[in-house]
Amino acid sequence: MGDQEADITRIKECARALKRIKDTFAERANPAEGYGVEDIGSQKILDAFDEFGSNWKIHRKKLTEELEKLHTITKTAADSYETLDHELAEALRRADKEAGGKK
């Protein structure tokens, strides 16, 4: 087996970033929501935003679900690596202590 190293801090940062992106996607809908023709200046533009908002809502839901999955995977990986690292370090300390007592 080759040497393997996991940058736990970087994986945790990735998980947090994915969560922030997912939360942002979940909050955003139609950018013109709440505005009327008098605010936008054109019914055509308002209609285009409404159409975009409807399509975006469908795609946003799918993207949000995928981002949540990626967040869960990366967070679980970071937590698992960290737990394994601590357990391995503790096992090595015990082995060193036992070996030191037998000298």
N, C-alpha and C. Protein backbone atom coordinates (compact mmCIF):
# COMPACT_ATOMS: atom_id res chain seq x y z
N MET A 1 0.83 -1.19 0.00
CA MET A 1 0.00 0.00 0.00
C MET A 1 0.87 1.25 0.00
N GLY A 2 0.47 2.26 -0.72
CA GLY A 2 1.22 3.51 -0.75
C GLY A 2 0.86 4.39 0.42
N ASP A 3 1.65 5.44 0.57
CA ASP A 3 1.36 6.41 1.62
C ASP A 3 0.10 7.18 1.25
N GLN A 4 -0.75 7.38 2.25
CA GLN A 4 -1.96 8.14 2.04
C GLN A 4 -2.05 9.23 3.09
N GLU A 5 -2.48 10.38 2.66
CA GLU A 5 -2.61 11.50 3.58
C GLU A 5 -3.90 12.23 3.26
N ALA A 6 -4.63 12.56 4.29
CA ALA A 6 -5.87 13.31 4.10
C ALA A 6 -5.72 14.66 4.79
N ASP A 7 -5.98 15.72 4.08
CA ASP A 7 -5.95 17.05 4.65
C ASP A 7 -7.33 17.30 5.26
N ILE A 8 -7.47 16.92 6.53
CA ILE A 8 -8.77 16.97 7.19
C ILE A 8 -9.31 18.40 7.23
N THR A 9 -8.45 19.35 7.49
CA THR A 9 -8.89 20.75 7.55
C THR A 9 -9.48 21.18 6.21
N ARG A 10 -8.79 20.82 5.13
CA ARG A 10 -9.27 21.19 3.78
C ARG A 10 -10.60 20.51 3.46
N ILE A 11 -10.74 19.25 3.86
CA ILE A 11 -11.99 18.52 3.61
C ILE A 11 -13.13 19.18 4.39
N LYS A 12 -12.86 19.59 5.64
CA LYS A 12 -13.88 20.27 6.44
C LYS A 12 -14.26 21.61 5.80
N GLU A 13 -13.26 22.35 5.29
CA GLU A 13 -13.54 23.61 4.62
C GLU A 13 -14.43 23.38 3.40
N CYS A 14 -14.15 22.33 2.67
CA CYS A 14 -14.95 21.97 1.50
C CYS A 14 -16.39 21.68 1.91
N ALA A 15 -16.57 20.92 2.98
CA ALA A 15 -17.91 20.58 3.46
C ALA A 15 -18.67 21.84 3.84
N ARG A 16 -18.00 22.76 4.56
CA ARG A 16 -18.66 24.01 4.96
C ARG A 16 -19.01 24.86 3.73
N ALA A 17 -18.12 24.91 2.76
CA ALA A 17 -18.38 25.69 1.54
C ALA A 17 -19.57 25.11 0.78
N LEU A 18 -19.64 23.80 0.69
CA LEU A 18 -20.77 23.16 0.00
C LEU A 18 -22.08 23.47 0.72
N LYS A 19 -22.05 23.50 2.03
CA LYS A 19 -23.26 23.83 2.80
C LYS A 19 -23.69 25.26 2.52
N ARG A 20 -22.72 26.19 2.51
CA ARG A 20 -23.05 27.59 2.22
C ARG A 20 -23.65 27.73 0.82
N ILE A 21 -23.06 27.05 -0.14
CA ILE A 21 -23.57 27.11 -1.52
C ILE A 21 -24.98 26.54 -1.58
N LYS A 22 -25.18 25.40 -0.92
CA LYS A 22 -26.50 24.78 -0.90
C LYS A 22 -27.53 25.71 -0.27
N ASP A 23 -27.18 26.33 0.85
CA ASP A 23 -28.10 27.25 1.51
C ASP A 23 -28.44 28.44 0.62
N THR A 24 -27.45 28.95 -0.09
CA THR A 24 -27.69 30.07 -1.01
C THR A 24 -28.62 29.65 -2.14
N PHE A 25 -28.38 28.47 -2.70
CA PHE A 25 -29.25 27.96 -3.77
C PHE A 25 -30.68 27.80 -3.26
N ALA A 26 -30.83 27.30 -2.05
CA ALA A 26 -32.16 27.05 -1.50
C ALA A 26 -32.94 28.34 -1.28
N GLU A 27 -32.24 29.45 -1.03
CA GLU A 27 -32.89 30.72 -0.74
C GLU A 27 -33.25 31.51 -1.99
N ARG A 28 -32.56 31.27 -3.09
CA ARG A 28 -32.74 32.10 -4.28
C ARG A 28 -33.83 31.53 -5.20
N ALA A 29 -34.69 32.42 -5.65
CA ALA A 29 -35.73 32.02 -6.60
C ALA A 29 -35.71 32.99 -7.77
N ASN A 30 -36.84 33.55 -8.07
CA ASN A 30 -36.97 34.51 -9.15
C ASN A 30 -36.33 35.83 -8.72
N PRO A 31 -35.31 36.30 -9.42
CA PRO A 31 -34.65 37.55 -9.01
C PRO A 31 -35.55 38.77 -9.10
N ALA A 32 -36.65 38.68 -9.84
CA ALA A 32 -37.56 39.82 -9.98
C ALA A 32 -38.79 39.66 -9.09
N GLU A 33 -38.80 38.64 -8.24
CA GLU A 33 -39.95 38.41 -7.37
C GLU A 33 -40.21 39.64 -6.51
N GLY A 34 -41.49 40.06 -6.48
CA GLY A 34 -41.85 41.22 -5.68
C GLY A 34 -41.80 42.53 -6.45
N TYR A 35 -41.31 42.47 -7.67
CA TYR A 35 -41.23 43.68 -8.49
C TYR A 35 -42.32 43.65 -9.54
N GLY A 36 -42.79 44.83 -9.93
CA GLY A 36 -43.80 44.95 -10.98
C GLY A 36 -43.21 45.61 -12.21
N VAL A 37 -44.08 45.82 -13.19
CA VAL A 37 -43.67 46.46 -14.44
C VAL A 37 -43.09 47.85 -14.17
N GLU A 38 -43.68 48.55 -13.21
CA GLU A 38 -43.19 49.90 -12.90
C GLU A 38 -41.77 49.87 -12.34
N ASP A 39 -41.40 48.78 -11.68
CA ASP A 39 -40.04 48.65 -11.13
C ASP A 39 -39.05 48.18 -12.19
N ILE A 40 -39.47 47.19 -12.98
CA ILE A 40 -38.58 46.57 -13.98
C ILE A 40 -38.53 47.41 -15.26
N GLY A 41 -39.67 48.01 -15.61
CA GLY A 41 -39.70 48.87 -16.79
C GLY A 41 -40.28 48.22 -18.03
N SER A 42 -40.52 46.92 -17.98
CA SER A 42 -41.04 46.25 -19.17
C SER A 42 -41.73 44.96 -18.77
N GLN A 43 -42.91 44.74 -19.34
CA GLN A 43 -43.63 43.50 -19.08
C GLN A 43 -42.87 42.31 -19.68
N LYS A 44 -42.22 42.54 -20.84
CA LYS A 44 -41.44 41.47 -21.48
C LYS A 44 -40.33 40.98 -20.55
N ILE A 45 -39.63 41.92 -19.94
CA ILE A 45 -38.54 41.55 -19.02
C ILE A 45 -39.11 40.84 -17.80
N LEU A 46 -40.21 41.35 -17.28
CA LEU A 46 -40.85 40.73 -16.12
C LEU A 46 -41.30 39.30 -16.44
N ASP A 47 -41.89 39.12 -17.64
CA ASP A 47 -42.30 37.78 -18.07
C ASP A 47 -41.10 36.84 -18.20
N ALA A 48 -40.00 37.37 -18.74
CA ALA A 48 -38.79 36.55 -18.88
C ALA A 48 -38.27 36.13 -17.50
N PHE A 49 -38.29 37.05 -16.54
CA PHE A 49 -37.88 36.70 -15.18
C PHE A 49 -38.81 35.66 -14.57
N ASP A 50 -40.10 35.79 -14.82
CA ASP A 50 -41.07 34.81 -14.29
C ASP A 50 -40.80 33.43 -14.88
N GLU A 51 -40.55 33.37 -16.19
CA GLU A 51 -40.24 32.09 -16.83
C GLU A 51 -38.94 31.52 -16.28
N PHE A 52 -37.95 32.39 -16.17
CA PHE A 52 -36.67 31.96 -15.60
C PHE A 52 -36.87 31.43 -14.19
N GLY A 53 -37.66 32.16 -13.38
CA GLY A 53 -37.90 31.75 -12.01
C GLY A 53 -38.55 30.38 -11.91
N SER A 54 -39.49 30.10 -12.80
CA SER A 54 -40.16 28.79 -12.80
C SER A 54 -39.18 27.68 -13.16
N ASN A 55 -38.40 27.88 -14.21
CA ASN A 55 -37.40 26.88 -14.61
C ASN A 55 -36.32 26.74 -13.55
N TRP A 56 -35.89 27.87 -13.03
CA TRP A 56 -34.83 27.87 -12.02
C TRP A 56 -35.26 27.10 -10.78
N LYS A 57 -36.53 27.24 -10.40
CA LYS A 57 -37.03 26.56 -9.21
C LYS A 57 -36.86 25.05 -9.35
N ILE A 58 -37.16 24.52 -10.51
CA ILE A 58 -37.02 23.07 -10.76
C ILE A 58 -35.56 22.67 -10.69
N HIS A 59 -34.70 23.38 -11.40
CA HIS A 59 -33.28 23.04 -11.45
C HIS A 59 -32.60 23.32 -10.11
N ARG A 60 -33.02 24.38 -9.46
CA ARG A 60 -32.45 24.73 -8.15
C ARG A 60 -32.69 23.62 -7.14
N LYS A 61 -33.86 23.03 -7.16
CA LYS A 61 -34.18 21.94 -6.23
C LYS A 61 -33.24 20.76 -6.46
N LYS A 62 -33.03 20.41 -7.71
CA LYS A 62 -32.12 19.30 -8.03
C LYS A 62 -30.69 19.63 -7.60
N LEU A 63 -30.24 20.83 -7.91
CA LEU A 63 -28.89 21.25 -7.53
C LEU A 63 -28.73 21.27 -6.01
N THR A 64 -29.73 21.75 -5.32
CA THR A 64 -29.69 21.80 -3.86
C THR A 64 -29.57 20.40 -3.28
N GLU A 65 -30.32 19.46 -3.82
CA GLU A 65 -30.24 18.07 -3.35
C GLU A 65 -28.85 17.49 -3.57
N GLU A 66 -28.28 17.75 -4.73
CA GLU A 66 -26.93 17.24 -5.03
C GLU A 66 -25.87 17.89 -4.14
N LEU A 67 -26.02 19.19 -3.92
CA LEU A 67 -25.07 19.88 -3.04
C LEU A 67 -25.17 19.34 -1.61
N GLU A 68 -26.38 19.03 -1.16
CA GLU A 68 -26.54 18.45 0.18
C GLU A 68 -25.86 17.09 0.27
N LYS A 69 -25.99 16.29 -0.78
CA LYS A 69 -25.32 14.98 -0.80
C LYS A 69 -23.80 15.15 -0.72
N LEU A 70 -23.26 16.07 -1.53
CA LEU A 70 -21.82 16.31 -1.51
C LEU A 70 -21.35 16.83 -0.15
N HIS A 71 -22.14 17.70 0.45
CA HIS A 71 -21.81 18.21 1.78
C HIS A 71 -21.75 17.06 2.78
N THR A 72 -22.74 16.19 2.74
CA THR A 72 -22.79 15.05 3.67
C THR A 72 -21.60 14.12 3.46
N ILE A 73 -21.27 13.85 2.22
CA ILE A 73 -20.13 12.97 1.91
C ILE A 73 -18.83 13.57 2.43
N THR A 74 -18.60 14.84 2.15
CA THR A 74 -17.33 15.45 2.56
C THR A 74 -17.25 15.61 4.08
N LYS A 75 -18.36 15.95 4.72
CA LYS A 75 -18.36 16.07 6.18
C LYS A 75 -18.12 14.71 6.82
N THR A 76 -18.78 13.69 6.32
CA THR A 76 -18.60 12.33 6.85
C THR A 76 -17.16 11.88 6.66
N ALA A 77 -16.60 12.17 5.49
CA ALA A 77 -15.20 11.79 5.23
C ALA A 77 -14.27 12.48 6.21
N ALA A 78 -14.44 13.78 6.41
CA ALA A 78 -13.58 14.51 7.34
C ALA A 78 -13.71 13.97 8.75
N ASP A 79 -14.94 13.73 9.18
CA ASP A 79 -15.16 13.19 10.53
C ASP A 79 -14.53 11.80 10.67
N SER A 80 -14.68 10.98 9.64
CA SER A 80 -14.12 9.63 9.68
C SER A 80 -12.59 9.65 9.71
N TYR A 81 -12.00 10.48 8.86
CA TYR A 81 -10.54 10.59 8.85
C TYR A 81 -10.02 11.08 10.20
N GLU A 82 -10.72 12.06 10.76
CA GLU A 82 -10.29 12.61 12.04
C GLU A 82 -10.39 11.56 13.15
N THR A 83 -11.47 10.82 13.19
CA THR A 83 -11.65 9.76 14.19
C THR A 83 -10.57 8.70 14.02
N LEU A 84 -10.35 8.28 12.79
CA LEU A 84 -9.33 7.27 12.51
C LEU A 84 -7.95 7.77 12.92
N ASP A 85 -7.64 9.02 12.62
CA ASP A 85 -6.35 9.60 12.97
C ASP A 85 -6.15 9.59 14.49
N HIS A 86 -7.18 9.99 15.22
CA HIS A 86 -7.08 10.00 16.69
C HIS A 86 -6.93 8.58 17.25
N GLU A 87 -7.69 7.65 16.71
CA GLU A 87 -7.60 6.27 17.19
C GLU A 87 -6.24 5.66 16.89
N LEU A 88 -5.72 5.94 15.70
CA LEU A 88 -4.40 5.42 15.33
C LEU A 88 -3.31 6.03 16.21
N ALA A 89 -3.39 7.34 16.44
CA ALA A 89 -2.41 8.00 17.30
C ALA A 89 -2.44 7.41 18.71
N GLU A 90 -3.63 7.18 19.23
CA GLU A 90 -3.76 6.60 20.57
C GLU A 90 -3.20 5.18 20.60
N ALA A 91 -3.47 4.40 19.57
CA ALA A 91 -2.94 3.02 19.51
C ALA A 91 -1.41 3.04 19.45
N LEU A 92 -0.85 3.96 18.70
CA LEU A 92 0.61 4.07 18.62
C LEU A 92 1.22 4.50 19.96
N ARG A 93 0.55 5.44 20.64
CA ARG A 93 1.03 5.86 21.96
C ARG A 93 1.01 4.68 22.95
N ARG A 94 -0.06 3.90 22.91
CA ARG A 94 -0.13 2.72 23.79
C ARG A 94 0.97 1.73 23.44
N ALA A 95 1.19 1.50 22.15
CA ALA A 95 2.21 0.55 21.72
C ALA A 95 3.60 1.04 22.15
N ASP A 96 3.85 2.34 22.00
CA ASP A 96 5.14 2.90 22.43
C ASP A 96 5.32 2.76 23.94
N LYS A 97 4.25 3.00 24.68
CA LYS A 97 4.32 2.88 26.14
C LYS A 97 4.60 1.43 26.55
N GLU A 98 3.92 0.49 25.91
CA GLU A 98 4.13 -0.93 26.22
C GLU A 98 5.54 -1.35 25.83
N ALA A 99 6.02 -0.90 24.69
CA ALA A 99 7.37 -1.26 24.23
C ALA A 99 8.41 -0.63 25.15
N GLY A 100 8.17 0.56 25.65
CA GLY A 100 9.08 1.24 26.54
C GLY A 100 9.18 0.53 27.88
N GLY A 101 8.11 -0.07 28.31
CA GLY A 101 8.10 -0.77 29.59
C GLY A 101 8.79 -2.12 29.53
N LYS A 102 9.00 -2.65 28.32
CA LYS A 102 9.60 -3.97 28.15
C LYS A 102 11.08 -3.90 27.91
N LYS A 103 11.63 -2.70 27.78
CA LYS A 103 13.07 -2.56 27.49
C LYS A 103 13.91 -2.85 28.69
